[in-house]
């Protein structure tokens, strides 16, 4: 996904997240002002404004700059921001409403005793308490959701995978090249910083191509697409090559900080898995099935063949390259643990 498409995708996300304000706004203003004649249109506009501003900050500011902050730091900053947005918006609505009702200027309304009463002894105290509680809870669960992984908390709460279920999924195993040598060169602490930066840097590409991070295993990242989402717009291929471009773009930063640039290889496979909750004192939503083992074996084969991205014939049969990528058959292989040969293809950009 190029930068232009990514910008459009972000803007669509902002608009999508802003729409609930058109419903919440009128309901909130009606409750906050005790059924005074505040129009539905005004409430809808203010609700949309709150949602729009919050969404802009979430997509363009918080996601880009807060992902490396401590849990509590990010929580407090986000909570403070939402308290300010809600409180400020309520004050604006009240002032505009009272000004139009009394045919007075905004300045006169702000200086009036009615405004002081509203702030110090009126409904604003309850609204402010609501803003604190609402902002803290929403952002606390948002941070937990980030910690667990996208949609994981929702899946736990909804019980979607309480009983195991069959799903079609594509898995990509991405393994760092020469990780042992890099770890020996950098030492344990610097190597952790190196890996952490690498995982952070490729995450936006993973999310923008509709994938979910399943696990970090040492220096390996396992990501997945549910159903045919990986085939749509060639998300599975775009993801790998955009990650490569991302790291190339940041190569000088890696060299100046660590003296080495991460390189990686990947394997792709698609098929049916069983998805469900496991564990007691520590629960996880996991995938079981031969698909993961095969994807891992294909990724391991990429090292032997010296290719960046290898895919199985099950993936290749559903891909429509449309001239954007070229495939090369690497032949049939008897992968470890498999009883039948599997055809593997190497994928590269067409240009």
C-alpha atoms as a PDB file:
ATOM      1  CA  UNK A   1       0.000   0.000   0.000  1.00  0.00           C
ATOM      2  CA  UNK A   2       1.655   3.254  -1.136  1.00  0.00           C
ATOM      3  CA  UNK A   3       1.660   6.445   0.919  1.00  0.00           C
ATOM      4  CA  UNK A   4      -1.245   7.994  -1.011  1.00  0.00           C
ATOM      5  CA  UNK A   5      -3.456   4.959  -0.468  1.00  0.00           C
ATOM      6  CA  UNK A   6      -2.408   4.820   3.202  1.00  0.00           C
ATOM      7  CA  UNK A   7      -3.368   8.483   3.698  1.00  0.00           C
ATOM      8  CA  UNK A   8      -6.773   7.840   2.142  1.00  0.00           C
ATOM      9  CA  UNK A   9      -7.214   4.778   4.353  1.00  0.00           C
ATOM     10  CA  UNK A  10      -6.385   6.813   7.463  1.00  0.00           C
ATOM     11  CA  UNK A  11      -8.819   9.552   6.462  1.00  0.00           C
ATOM     12  CA  UNK A  12     -11.586   6.992   5.873  1.00  0.00           C
ATOM     13  CA  UNK A  13     -10.852   5.571   9.326  1.00  0.00           C
ATOM     14  CA  UNK A  14     -11.174   9.044  10.871  1.00  0.00           C
ATOM     15  CA  UNK A  15     -14.568   9.578   9.195  1.00  0.00           C
ATOM     16  CA  UNK A  16     -15.740   6.091  10.200  1.00  0.00           C
ATOM     17  CA  UNK A  17     -14.795   6.681  13.844  1.00  0.00           C
ATOM     18  CA  UNK A  18     -16.465  10.105  13.788  1.00  0.00           C
ATOM     19  CA  UNK A  19     -19.902   8.879  12.718  1.00  0.00           C
ATOM     20  CA  UNK A  20     -21.017   7.572  16.163  1.00  0.00           C
ATOM     21  CA  UNK A  21     -20.851  11.183  17.373  1.00  0.00           C
ATOM     22  CA  UNK A  22     -23.858  11.961  15.169  1.00  0.00           C
ATOM     23  CA  UNK A  23     -25.898   9.634  17.397  1.00  0.00           C
ATOM     24  CA  UNK A  24     -24.218  10.129  20.766  1.00  0.00           C
ATOM     25  CA  UNK A  25     -24.162  13.946  20.436  1.00  0.00           C
ATOM     26  CA  UNK A  26     -27.948  14.525  20.399  1.00  0.00           C
ATOM     27  CA  UNK A  27     -28.495  11.999  23.210  1.00  0.00           C
ATOM     28  CA  UNK A  28     -25.764  13.527  25.361  1.00  0.00           C
ATOM     29  CA  UNK A  29     -26.910  17.147  24.901  1.00  0.00           C
ATOM     30  CA  UNK A  30     -30.503  16.202  25.718  1.00  0.00           C
ATOM     31  CA  UNK A  31     -29.407  14.546  28.965  1.00  0.00           C
ATOM     32  CA  UNK A  32     -26.819  17.179  29.873  1.00  0.00           C
ATOM     33  CA  UNK A  33     -29.196  20.097  29.509  1.00  0.00           C
ATOM     34  CA  UNK A  34     -32.191  18.500  31.187  1.00  0.00           C
ATOM     35  CA  UNK A  35     -34.390  18.453  28.084  1.00  0.00           C
ATOM     36  CA  UNK A  36     -33.881  22.130  27.316  1.00  0.00           C
ATOM     37  CA  UNK A  37     -34.616  22.964  23.673  1.00  0.00           C
ATOM     38  CA  UNK A  38     -31.175  22.167  22.298  1.00  0.00           C
ATOM     39  CA  UNK A  39     -31.721  21.120  18.717  1.00  0.00           C
ATOM     40  CA  UNK A  40     -30.831  17.682  17.438  1.00  0.00           C
ATOM     41  CA  UNK A  41     -28.779  19.332  14.712  1.00  0.00           C
ATOM     42  CA  UNK A  42     -26.595  21.196  17.219  1.00  0.00           C
ATOM     43  CA  UNK A  43     -26.064  18.059  19.262  1.00  0.00           C
ATOM     44  CA  UNK A  44     -25.185  16.088  16.139  1.00  0.00           C
ATOM     45  CA  UNK A  45     -22.671  18.712  15.001  1.00  0.00           C
ATOM     46  CA  UNK A  46     -20.979  18.891  18.405  1.00  0.00           C
ATOM     47  CA  UNK A  47     -20.963  15.101  18.742  1.00  0.00           C
ATOM     48  CA  UNK A  48     -19.372  14.767  15.327  1.00  0.00           C
ATOM     49  CA  UNK A  49     -16.798  17.436  16.186  1.00  0.00           C
ATOM     50  CA  UNK A  50     -15.777  15.631  19.394  1.00  0.00           C
ATOM     51  CA  UNK A  51     -15.488  12.305  17.589  1.00  0.00           C
ATOM     52  CA  UNK A  52     -13.673  13.858  14.631  1.00  0.00           C
ATOM     53  CA  UNK A  53     -11.056  15.696  16.716  1.00  0.00           C
ATOM     54  CA  UNK A  54     -10.511  12.627  18.905  1.00  0.00           C
ATOM     55  CA  UNK A  55     -10.153  10.395  15.857  1.00  0.00           C
ATOM     56  CA  UNK A  56      -7.676  12.757  14.181  1.00  0.00           C
ATOM     57  CA  UNK A  57      -5.491  12.749  17.285  1.00  0.00           C
ATOM     58  CA  UNK A  58      -5.769   8.970  17.655  1.00  0.00           C
ATOM     59  CA  UNK A  59      -4.826   8.222  14.042  1.00  0.00           C
ATOM     60  CA  UNK A  60      -2.275  10.948  13.331  1.00  0.00           C
ATOM     61  CA  UNK A  61      -0.763  11.745  16.750  1.00  0.00           C
ATOM     62  CA  UNK A  62      -1.255   9.021  19.359  1.00  0.00           C
ATOM     63  CA  UNK A  63      -0.626   6.006  17.118  1.00  0.00           C
ATOM     64  CA  UNK A  64       2.573   7.503  15.695  1.00  0.00           C
ATOM     65  CA  UNK A  65       4.063   8.969  18.852  1.00  0.00           C
ATOM     66  CA  UNK A  66       2.626   7.128  21.866  1.00  0.00           C
ATOM     67  CA  UNK A  67       3.340   3.515  20.919  1.00  0.00           C
ATOM     68  CA  UNK A  68       6.660   3.526  22.773  1.00  0.00           C
ATOM     69  CA  UNK A  69       5.438   5.243  25.934  1.00  0.00           C
ATOM     70  CA  UNK A  70       4.903   3.431  29.220  1.00  0.00           C
ATOM     71  CA  UNK A  71       1.415   2.056  29.766  1.00  0.00           C
ATOM     72  CA  UNK A  72       0.590   4.507  32.581  1.00  0.00           C
ATOM     73  CA  UNK A  73       2.082   7.502  30.733  1.00  0.00           C
ATOM     74  CA  UNK A  74       0.056   6.886  27.588  1.00  0.00           C
ATOM     75  CA  UNK A  75      -3.056   6.225  29.688  1.00  0.00           C
ATOM     76  CA  UNK A  76      -2.770   9.512  31.623  1.00  0.00           C
ATOM     77  CA  UNK A  77      -2.046  11.626  28.535  1.00  0.00           C
ATOM     78  CA  UNK A  78      -4.908  10.104  26.578  1.00  0.00           C
ATOM     79  CA  UNK A  79      -7.274  10.447  29.557  1.00  0.00           C
ATOM     80  CA  UNK A  80      -6.338  14.102  30.061  1.00  0.00           C
ATOM     81  CA  UNK A  81      -6.875  14.822  26.372  1.00  0.00           C
ATOM     82  CA  UNK A  82     -10.342  13.240  26.341  1.00  0.00           C
ATOM     83  CA  UNK A  83     -11.358  15.063  29.537  1.00  0.00           C
ATOM     84  CA  UNK A  84     -10.357  18.347  27.893  1.00  0.00           C
ATOM     85  CA  UNK A  85     -12.195  17.597  24.625  1.00  0.00           C
ATOM     86  CA  UNK A  86     -15.419  16.565  26.357  1.00  0.00           C
ATOM     87  CA  UNK A  87     -15.370  19.448  28.860  1.00  0.00           C
ATOM     88  CA  UNK A  88     -14.468  22.049  26.257  1.00  0.00           C
ATOM     89  CA  UNK A  89     -17.180  20.826  23.871  1.00  0.00           C
ATOM     90  CA  UNK A  90     -19.838  20.899  26.596  1.00  0.00           C
ATOM     91  CA  UNK A  91     -18.868  24.465  27.508  1.00  0.00           C
ATOM     92  CA  UNK A  92     -19.028  25.518  23.846  1.00  0.00           C
ATOM     93  CA  UNK A  93     -22.476  23.968  23.449  1.00  0.00           C
ATOM     94  CA  UNK A  94     -23.740  25.642  26.632  1.00  0.00           C
ATOM     95  CA  UNK A  95     -22.345  29.075  25.713  1.00  0.00           C
ATOM     96  CA  UNK A  96     -23.674  28.984  22.137  1.00  0.00           C
ATOM     97  CA  UNK A  97     -27.063  27.769  23.316  1.00  0.00           C
ATOM     98  CA  UNK A  98     -27.401  30.388  26.071  1.00  0.00           C
ATOM     99  CA  UNK A  99     -26.197  33.165  23.746  1.00  0.00           C
ATOM    100  CA  UNK A 100     -28.829  32.337  21.150  1.00  0.00           C
ATOM    101  CA  UNK A 101     -31.494  31.861  23.803  1.00  0.00           C
ATOM    102  CA  UNK A 102     -30.804  35.239  25.487  1.00  0.00           C
ATOM    103  CA  UNK A 103     -29.789  37.070  22.311  1.00  0.00           C
ATOM    104  CA  UNK A 104     -26.445  37.935  23.937  1.00  0.00           C
ATOM    105  CA  UNK A 105     -22.876  37.866  22.658  1.00  0.00           C
ATOM    106  CA  UNK A 106     -20.561  34.952  23.416  1.00  0.00           C
ATOM    107  CA  UNK A 107     -18.343  37.246  25.510  1.00  0.00           C
ATOM    108  CA  UNK A 108     -21.260  38.518  27.611  1.00  0.00           C
ATOM    109  CA  UNK A 109     -22.438  34.962  28.150  1.00  0.00           C
ATOM    110  CA  UNK A 110     -18.962  33.867  29.321  1.00  0.00           C
ATOM    111  CA  UNK A 111     -18.844  36.769  31.782  1.00  0.00           C
ATOM    112  CA  UNK A 112     -22.361  36.206  33.097  1.00  0.00           C
ATOM    113  CA  UNK A 113     -23.305  34.885  36.509  1.00  0.00           C
ATOM    114  CA  UNK A 114     -25.238  32.095  34.799  1.00  0.00           C
ATOM    115  CA  UNK A 115     -21.979  30.766  33.311  1.00  0.00           C
ATOM    116  CA  UNK A 116     -20.226  30.889  36.697  1.00  0.00           C
ATOM    117  CA  UNK A 117     -23.174  29.068  38.246  1.00  0.00           C
ATOM    118  CA  UNK A 118     -23.090  26.435  35.480  1.00  0.00           C
ATOM    119  CA  UNK A 119     -19.361  25.817  36.030  1.00  0.00           C
ATOM    120  CA  UNK A 120     -19.219  25.955  39.828  1.00  0.00           C
ATOM    121  CA  UNK A 121     -22.619  24.764  41.031  1.00  0.00           C
ATOM    122  CA  UNK A 122     -24.548  23.620  37.987  1.00  0.00           C
ATOM    123  CA  UNK A 123     -24.559  20.580  35.737  1.00  0.00           C
ATOM    124  CA  UNK A 124     -20.921  20.978  34.658  1.00  0.00           C
ATOM    125  CA  UNK A 125     -19.631  19.326  37.851  1.00  0.00           C
ATOM    126  CA  UNK A 126     -21.520  16.138  37.047  1.00  0.00           C
ATOM    127  CA  UNK A 127     -20.448  16.335  33.419  1.00  0.00           C
ATOM    128  CA  UNK A 128     -16.803  16.781  34.458  1.00  0.00           C
ATOM    129  CA  UNK A 129     -16.980  13.751  36.762  1.00  0.00           C
ATOM    130  CA  UNK A 130     -18.515  11.786  33.902  1.00  0.00           C
ATOM    131  CA  UNK A 131     -15.728  12.976  31.575  1.00  0.00           C
ATOM    132  CA  UNK A 132     -13.040  11.775  34.011  1.00  0.00           C
ATOM    133  CA  UNK A 133     -14.674   8.374  34.539  1.00  0.00           C
ATOM    134  CA  UNK A 134     -15.534   7.832  30.889  1.00  0.00           C
ATOM    135  CA  UNK A 135     -12.132   8.960  29.602  1.00  0.00           C
ATOM    136  CA  UNK A 136     -10.199   6.827  32.066  1.00  0.00           C
ATOM    137  CA  UNK A 137     -12.223   3.659  31.441  1.00  0.00           C
ATOM    138  CA  UNK A 138     -12.258   4.008  27.655  1.00  0.00           C
ATOM    139  CA  UNK A 139      -8.525   4.624  27.466  1.00  0.00           C
ATOM    140  CA  UNK A 140      -7.700   1.947  30.039  1.00  0.00           C
ATOM    141  CA  UNK A 141      -9.462  -0.689  27.956  1.00  0.00           C
ATOM    142  CA  UNK A 142      -7.920   0.791  24.797  1.00  0.00           C
ATOM    143  CA  UNK A 143      -4.452   0.332  26.289  1.00  0.00           C
ATOM    144  CA  UNK A 144      -5.330  -3.214  27.372  1.00  0.00           C
ATOM    145  CA  UNK A 145      -6.553  -3.921  23.847  1.00  0.00           C
ATOM    146  CA  UNK A 146      -3.238  -2.686  22.438  1.00  0.00           C
ATOM    147  CA  UNK A 147      -1.370  -4.855  24.936  1.00  0.00           C
ATOM    148  CA  UNK A 148      -3.324  -8.004  24.081  1.00  0.00           C
ATOM    149  CA  UNK A 149      -3.520  -7.347  20.351  1.00  0.00           C
ATOM    150  CA  UNK A 150      -6.186  -5.961  18.047  1.00  0.00           C
ATOM    151  CA  UNK A 151      -9.659  -7.459  18.620  1.00  0.00           C
ATOM    152  CA  UNK A 152      -8.350  -9.957  21.191  1.00  0.00           C
ATOM    153  CA  UNK A 153     -10.104  -8.264  24.121  1.00  0.00           C
ATOM    154  CA  UNK A 154     -13.337  -8.038  22.137  1.00  0.00           C
ATOM    155  CA  UNK A 155     -13.075 -11.715  21.257  1.00  0.00           C
ATOM    156  CA  UNK A 156     -12.558 -12.599  24.934  1.00  0.00           C
ATOM    157  CA  UNK A 157     -15.512 -10.493  26.094  1.00  0.00           C
ATOM    158  CA  UNK A 158     -17.838 -11.713  23.352  1.00  0.00           C
ATOM    159  CA  UNK A 159     -16.775 -15.329  23.892  1.00  0.00           C
ATOM    160  CA  UNK A 160     -16.247 -15.737  20.142  1.00  0.00           C
ATOM    161  CA  UNK A 161     -13.629 -18.448  20.615  1.00  0.00           C
ATOM    162  CA  UNK A 162     -14.800 -19.895  23.939  1.00  0.00           C
ATOM    163  CA  UNK A 163     -15.748 -22.945  21.911  1.00  0.00           C
ATOM    164  CA  UNK A 164     -13.178 -23.870  19.241  1.00  0.00           C
ATOM    165  CA  UNK A 165     -14.176 -23.091  15.684  1.00  0.00           C
ATOM    166  CA  UNK A 166     -12.812 -23.806  12.225  1.00  0.00           C
ATOM    167  CA  UNK A 167     -11.515 -20.839  10.224  1.00  0.00           C
ATOM    168  CA  UNK A 168      -9.739 -20.265   6.954  1.00  0.00           C
ATOM    169  CA  UNK A 169      -6.578 -18.260   7.585  1.00  0.00           C
ATOM    170  CA  UNK A 170      -3.348 -17.278   5.905  1.00  0.00           C
ATOM    171  CA  UNK A 171      -0.171 -17.193   7.986  1.00  0.00           C
ATOM    172  CA  UNK A 172       3.106 -15.438   7.303  1.00  0.00           C
ATOM    173  CA  UNK A 173       6.180 -16.404   9.318  1.00  0.00           C
ATOM    174  CA  UNK A 174       8.801 -13.636   9.214  1.00  0.00           C
ATOM    175  CA  UNK A 175      12.249 -14.507  10.512  1.00  0.00           C
ATOM    176  CA  UNK A 176      15.196 -12.179  11.082  1.00  0.00           C
ATOM    177  CA  UNK A 177      18.340 -13.139   9.172  1.00  0.00           C
ATOM    178  CA  UNK A 178      21.608 -13.661  11.083  1.00  0.00           C
ATOM    179  CA  UNK A 179      19.924 -12.902  14.402  1.00  0.00           C
ATOM    180  CA  UNK A 180      22.439 -14.926  16.436  1.00  0.00           C
ATOM    181  CA  UNK A 181      25.405 -13.001  15.003  1.00  0.00           C
ATOM    182  CA  UNK A 182      23.615  -9.678  15.591  1.00  0.00           C
ATOM    183  CA  UNK A 183      22.808 -10.639  19.194  1.00  0.00           C
ATOM    184  CA  UNK A 184      26.451 -11.537  19.856  1.00  0.00           C
ATOM    185  CA  UNK A 185      27.602  -8.256  18.340  1.00  0.00           C
ATOM    186  CA  UNK A 186      25.152  -5.993  20.190  1.00  0.00           C
ATOM    187  CA  UNK A 187      24.808  -7.741  23.530  1.00  0.00           C
ATOM    188  CA  UNK A 188      21.476  -8.643  25.205  1.00  0.00           C
ATOM    189  CA  UNK A 189      20.244  -5.143  26.119  1.00  0.00           C
ATOM    190  CA  UNK A 190      21.085  -3.473  22.801  1.00  0.00           C
ATOM    191  CA  UNK A 191      19.771  -6.497  20.914  1.00  0.00           C
ATOM    192  CA  UNK A 192      16.440  -6.156  22.727  1.00  0.00           C
ATOM    193  CA  UNK A 193      16.290  -2.479  21.706  1.00  0.00           C
ATOM    194  CA  UNK A 194      17.147  -3.477  18.131  1.00  0.00           C
ATOM    195  CA  UNK A 195      14.405  -6.120  17.969  1.00  0.00           C
ATOM    196  CA  UNK A 196      11.891  -3.831  19.646  1.00  0.00           C
ATOM    197  CA  UNK A 197      12.538  -1.031  17.138  1.00  0.00           C
ATOM    198  CA  UNK A 198      12.271  -3.497  14.263  1.00  0.00           C
ATOM    199  CA  UNK A 199       8.905  -4.788  15.520  1.00  0.00           C
ATOM    200  CA  UNK A 200       7.606  -1.237  16.033  1.00  0.00           C
ATOM    201  CA  UNK A 201       8.760  -0.084  12.594  1.00  0.00           C
ATOM    202  CA  UNK A 202       7.019  -2.858  10.650  1.00  0.00           C
ATOM    203  CA  UNK A 203       3.810  -2.808  12.692  1.00  0.00           C
ATOM    204  CA  UNK A 204       2.105   0.013  10.778  1.00  0.00           C
ATOM    205  CA  UNK A 205       2.694  -1.850   7.512  1.00  0.00           C
ATOM    206  CA  UNK A 206       1.191  -5.016   8.987  1.00  0.00           C
ATOM    207  CA  UNK A 207      -1.920  -3.194  10.213  1.00  0.00           C
ATOM    208  CA  UNK A 208      -2.374  -1.187   6.987  1.00  0.00           C
ATOM    209  CA  UNK A 209      -2.423  -4.446   5.015  1.00  0.00           C
ATOM    210  CA  UNK A 210      -5.268  -5.847   7.151  1.00  0.00           C
ATOM    211  CA  UNK A 211      -3.158  -8.387   9.033  1.00  0.00           C
ATOM    212  CA  UNK A 212      -3.060  -9.216  12.733  1.00  0.00           C
ATOM    213  CA  UNK A 213       0.067  -9.983  14.721  1.00  0.00           C
ATOM    214  CA  UNK A 214      -0.427 -13.426  16.224  1.00  0.00           C
ATOM    215  CA  UNK A 215       2.841 -13.872  18.108  1.00  0.00           C
ATOM    216  CA  UNK A 216       6.365 -12.623  18.577  1.00  0.00           C
ATOM    217  CA  UNK A 217       8.595 -15.651  19.040  1.00  0.00           C
ATOM    218  CA  UNK A 218      12.167 -14.563  19.704  1.00  0.00           C
ATOM    219  CA  UNK A 219      13.190 -12.706  16.546  1.00  0.00           C
ATOM    220  CA  UNK A 220      10.246 -14.120  14.571  1.00  0.00           C
ATOM    221  CA  UNK A 221       6.903 -12.444  13.850  1.00  0.00           C
ATOM    222  CA  UNK A 222       3.838 -14.515  13.000  1.00  0.00           C
ATOM    223  CA  UNK A 223       0.996 -12.621  11.355  1.00  0.00           C
ATOM    224  CA  UNK A 224      -2.311 -13.812   9.928  1.00  0.00           C
ATOM    225  CA  UNK A 225      -5.223 -12.829   7.728  1.00  0.00           C
ATOM    226  CA  UNK A 226      -8.680 -14.295   8.303  1.00  0.00           C
ATOM    227  CA  UNK A 227     -10.577 -15.815   5.361  1.00  0.00           C
ATOM    228  CA  UNK A 228      -9.544 -14.209   2.056  1.00  0.00           C
ATOM    229  CA  UNK A 229      -8.414 -10.875   3.508  1.00  0.00           C
ATOM    230  CA  UNK A 230      -4.787 -11.645   2.648  1.00  0.00           C
ATOM    231  CA  UNK A 231      -5.663 -12.113  -1.016  1.00  0.00           C
ATOM    232  CA  UNK A 232      -7.649  -8.880  -1.294  1.00  0.00           C
ATOM    233  CA  UNK A 233      -5.628  -6.230  -3.078  1.00  0.00           C
ATOM    234  CA  UNK A 234      -2.672  -8.640  -2.709  1.00  0.00           C
ATOM    235  CA  UNK A 235      -2.355  -7.619   0.944  1.00  0.00           C
ATOM    236  CA  UNK A 236      -0.178 -10.616   1.804  1.00  0.00           C
ATOM    237  CA  UNK A 237       2.444  -9.723  -0.826  1.00  0.00           C
ATOM    238  CA  UNK A 238       2.229  -5.978  -0.315  1.00  0.00           C
ATOM    239  CA  UNK A 239       2.819  -6.506   3.391  1.00  0.00           C
ATOM    240  CA  UNK A 240       6.174  -8.225   2.928  1.00  0.00           C
ATOM    241  CA  UNK A 241       7.578  -5.865   0.304  1.00  0.00           C
ATOM    242  CA  UNK A 242       6.345  -2.745   2.088  1.00  0.00           C
ATOM    243  CA  UNK A 243       8.050  -3.964   5.258  1.00  0.00           C
ATOM    244  CA  UNK A 244      11.234  -4.346   3.248  1.00  0.00           C
ATOM    245  CA  UNK A 245      10.883  -0.798   1.865  1.00  0.00           C
ATOM    246  CA  UNK A 246      10.162   0.540   5.345  1.00  0.00           C
ATOM    247  CA  UNK A 247      13.348  -0.946   6.762  1.00  0.00           C
ATOM    248  CA  UNK A 248      15.380   0.236   3.744  1.00  0.00           C
ATOM    249  CA  UNK A 249      14.056   3.757   4.315  1.00  0.00           C
ATOM    250  CA  UNK A 250      15.190   3.571   7.962  1.00  0.00           C
ATOM    251  CA  UNK A 251      18.522   1.903   7.199  1.00  0.00           C
ATOM    252  CA  UNK A 252      20.619   4.960   8.107  1.00  0.00           C
ATOM    253  CA  UNK A 253      18.886   5.188  11.475  1.00  0.00           C
ATOM    254  CA  UNK A 254      19.632   1.516  12.180  1.00  0.00           C
ATOM    255  CA  UNK A 255      23.239   1.851  11.068  1.00  0.00           C
ATOM    256  CA  UNK A 256      23.885   4.929  13.199  1.00  0.00           C
ATOM    257  CA  UNK A 257      22.219   3.399  16.268  1.00  0.00           C
ATOM    258  CA  UNK A 258      23.099  -0.299  16.039  1.00  0.00           C
ATOM    259  CA  UNK A 259      25.593  -0.615  13.207  1.00  0.00           C
ATOM    260  CA  UNK A 260      23.405  -3.161  11.426  1.00  0.00           C
ATOM    261  CA  UNK A 261      20.190  -3.140   9.372  1.00  0.00           C
ATOM    262  CA  UNK A 262      17.605  -5.908   9.923  1.00  0.00           C
ATOM    263  CA  UNK A 263      17.042  -8.296   7.036  1.00  0.00           C
ATOM    264  CA  UNK A 264      14.303 -10.904   7.009  1.00  0.00           C
ATOM    265  CA  UNK A 265      12.733 -13.712   5.014  1.00  0.00           C
ATOM    266  CA  UNK A 266       9.174 -15.004   5.069  1.00  0.00           C
ATOM    267  CA  UNK A 267       6.966 -17.979   4.223  1.00  0.00           C
ATOM    268  CA  UNK A 268       3.243 -17.951   3.396  1.00  0.00           C
ATOM    269  CA  UNK A 269       0.655 -20.698   3.622  1.00  0.00           C
ATOM    270  CA  UNK A 270      -3.155 -20.784   3.643  1.00  0.00           C
ATOM    271  CA  UNK A 271      -5.690 -23.268   4.928  1.00  0.00           C
ATOM    272  CA  UNK A 272      -8.032 -24.345   7.698  1.00  0.00           C
ATOM    273  CA  UNK A 273      -7.164 -23.956  11.375  1.00  0.00           C
ATOM    274  CA  UNK A 274      -8.931 -24.490  14.682  1.00  0.00           C
ATOM    275  CA  UNK A 275      -9.185 -21.264  16.694  1.00  0.00           C
ATOM    276  CA  UNK A 276     -10.038 -21.294  20.382  1.00  0.00           C
ATOM    277  CA  UNK A 277      -9.209 -20.275  23.931  1.00  0.00           C
ATOM    278  CA  UNK A 278      -6.735 -22.293  25.963  1.00  0.00           C
ATOM    279  CA  UNK A 279      -5.317 -22.060  29.486  1.00  0.00           C
ATOM    280  CA  UNK A 280      -6.619 -21.264  32.944  1.00  0.00           C
ATOM    281  CA  UNK A 281      -4.463 -18.872  34.998  1.00  0.00           C
ATOM    282  CA  UNK A 282      -3.242 -17.408  31.690  1.00  0.00           C
ATOM    283  CA  UNK A 283      -5.643 -17.572  28.778  1.00  0.00           C
ATOM    284  CA  UNK A 284      -4.766 -17.178  25.128  1.00  0.00           C
ATOM    285  CA  UNK A 285      -6.593 -17.384  21.828  1.00  0.00           C
ATOM    286  CA  UNK A 286      -4.517 -19.770  19.727  1.00  0.00           C
ATOM    287  CA  UNK A 287      -4.537 -21.441  16.323  1.00  0.00           C
ATOM    288  CA  UNK A 288      -3.977 -25.151  15.842  1.00  0.00           C
ATOM    289  CA  UNK A 289      -3.466 -26.919  12.558  1.00  0.00           C
ATOM    290  CA  UNK A 290      -0.998 -28.020   9.926  1.00  0.00           C
ATOM    291  CA  UNK A 291      -1.184 -24.596   8.265  1.00  0.00           C
ATOM    292  CA  UNK A 292       1.121 -23.041  10.851  1.00  0.00           C
ATOM    293  CA  UNK A 293       3.637 -25.878  10.693  1.00  0.00           C
ATOM    294  CA  UNK A 294       3.732 -25.707   6.900  1.00  0.00           C
ATOM    295  CA  UNK A 295       4.143 -21.918   6.861  1.00  0.00           C
ATOM    296  CA  UNK A 296       7.030 -22.269   9.313  1.00  0.00           C
ATOM    297  CA  UNK A 297       8.696 -24.960   7.179  1.00  0.00           C
ATOM    298  CA  UNK A 298       8.315 -22.830   4.039  1.00  0.00           C
ATOM    299  CA  UNK A 299       9.926 -19.897   5.818  1.00  0.00           C
ATOM    300  CA  UNK A 300      12.825 -22.123   6.863  1.00  0.00           C
ATOM    301  CA  UNK A 301      13.197 -23.188   3.221  1.00  0.00           C
ATOM    302  CA  UNK A 302      13.678 -19.543   2.223  1.00  0.00           C
ATOM    303  CA  UNK A 303      17.051 -19.580   3.947  1.00  0.00           C
ATOM    304  CA  UNK A 304      18.151 -22.657   2.013  1.00  0.00           C
ATOM    305  CA  UNK A 305      16.993 -21.247  -1.315  1.00  0.00           C
ATOM    306  CA  UNK A 306      18.206 -17.706  -0.599  1.00  0.00           C
ATOM    307  CA  UNK A 307      14.829 -16.147  -1.425  1.00  0.00           C
ATOM    308  CA  UNK A 308      13.044 -13.369   0.442  1.00  0.00           C
ATOM    309  CA  UNK A 309       9.428 -14.537   0.159  1.00  0.00           C
ATOM    310  CA  UNK A 310       8.235 -18.063  -0.528  1.00  0.00           C
ATOM    311  CA  UNK A 311       4.596 -19.109  -0.866  1.00  0.00           C
ATOM    312  CA  UNK A 312       2.855 -22.458  -1.101  1.00  0.00           C
ATOM    313  CA  UNK A 313       0.826 -23.605  -4.099  1.00  0.00           C
ATOM    314  CA  UNK A 314      -2.316 -23.237  -1.936  1.00  0.00           C
ATOM    315  CA  UNK A 315      -1.557 -19.513  -1.723  1.00  0.00           C
ATOM    316  CA  UNK A 316      -0.393 -19.227  -5.313  1.00  0.00           C
ATOM    317  CA  UNK A 317      -3.595 -20.794  -6.684  1.00  0.00           C
ATOM    318  CA  UNK A 318      -5.688 -18.005  -5.123  1.00  0.00           C
ATOM    319  CA  UNK A 319      -3.409 -15.075  -5.960  1.00  0.00           C
ATOM    320  CA  UNK A 320      -4.070 -12.821  -8.944  1.00  0.00           C
ATOM    321  CA  UNK A 321      -0.757 -11.072  -9.502  1.00  0.00           C
ATOM    322  CA  UNK A 322      -2.146  -8.690 -12.166  1.00  0.00           C
ATOM    323  CA  UNK A 323       1.336  -7.876 -13.417  1.00  0.00           C
ATOM    324  CA  UNK A 324       2.399  -6.348 -10.096  1.00  0.00           C
ATOM    325  CA  UNK A 325       4.477  -9.339  -9.032  1.00  0.00           C
ATOM    326  CA  UNK A 326       6.227 -12.205 -10.742  1.00  0.00           C
ATOM    327  CA  UNK A 327       6.396 -15.806  -9.581  1.00  0.00           C
ATOM    328  CA  UNK A 328       9.123 -18.386 -10.027  1.00  0.00           C
ATOM    329  CA  UNK A 329       8.489 -22.059  -9.269  1.00  0.00           C
ATOM    330  CA  UNK A 330      11.213 -23.380  -6.990  1.00  0.00           C
ATOM    331  CA  UNK A 331      10.062 -26.962  -7.473  1.00  0.00           C
ATOM    332  CA  UNK A 332       8.527 -29.588  -5.209  1.00  0.00           C
ATOM    333  CA  UNK A 333       9.807 -30.195  -1.711  1.00  0.00           C
ATOM    334  CA  UNK A 334       9.161 -32.763   1.004  1.00  0.00           C
ATOM    335  CA  UNK A 335       8.987 -30.490   4.014  1.00  0.00           C
ATOM    336  CA  UNK A 336       9.828 -31.848   7.448  1.00  0.00           C
ATOM    337  CA  UNK A 337       6.822 -33.596   8.977  1.00  0.00           C
ATOM    338  CA  UNK A 338       4.928 -33.729   5.664  1.00  0.00           C
ATOM    339  CA  UNK A 339       3.994 -36.939   3.843  1.00  0.00           C
ATOM    340  CA  UNK A 340       3.466 -35.330   0.454  1.00  0.00           C
ATOM    341  CA  UNK A 341       5.566 -32.988  -1.654  1.00  0.00           C
ATOM    342  CA  UNK A 342       4.537 -29.343  -1.825  1.00  0.00           C
ATOM    343  CA  UNK A 343       5.263 -26.911  -4.635  1.00  0.00           C
ATOM    344  CA  UNK A 344       6.868 -23.674  -3.499  1.00  0.00           C
ATOM    345  CA  UNK A 345       7.067 -20.375  -5.407  1.00  0.00           C
ATOM    346  CA  UNK A 346       9.308 -17.370  -4.994  1.00  0.00           C
ATOM    347  CA  UNK A 347       7.641 -13.963  -5.359  1.00  0.00           C
ATOM    348  CA  UNK A 348       9.294 -10.722  -6.424  1.00  0.00           C
ATOM    349  CA  UNK A 349       7.969  -7.332  -7.607  1.00  0.00           C
ATOM    350  CA  UNK A 350       7.427  -7.263 -11.375  1.00  0.00           C
ATOM    351  CA  UNK A 351       9.565  -4.152 -11.796  1.00  0.00           C
END
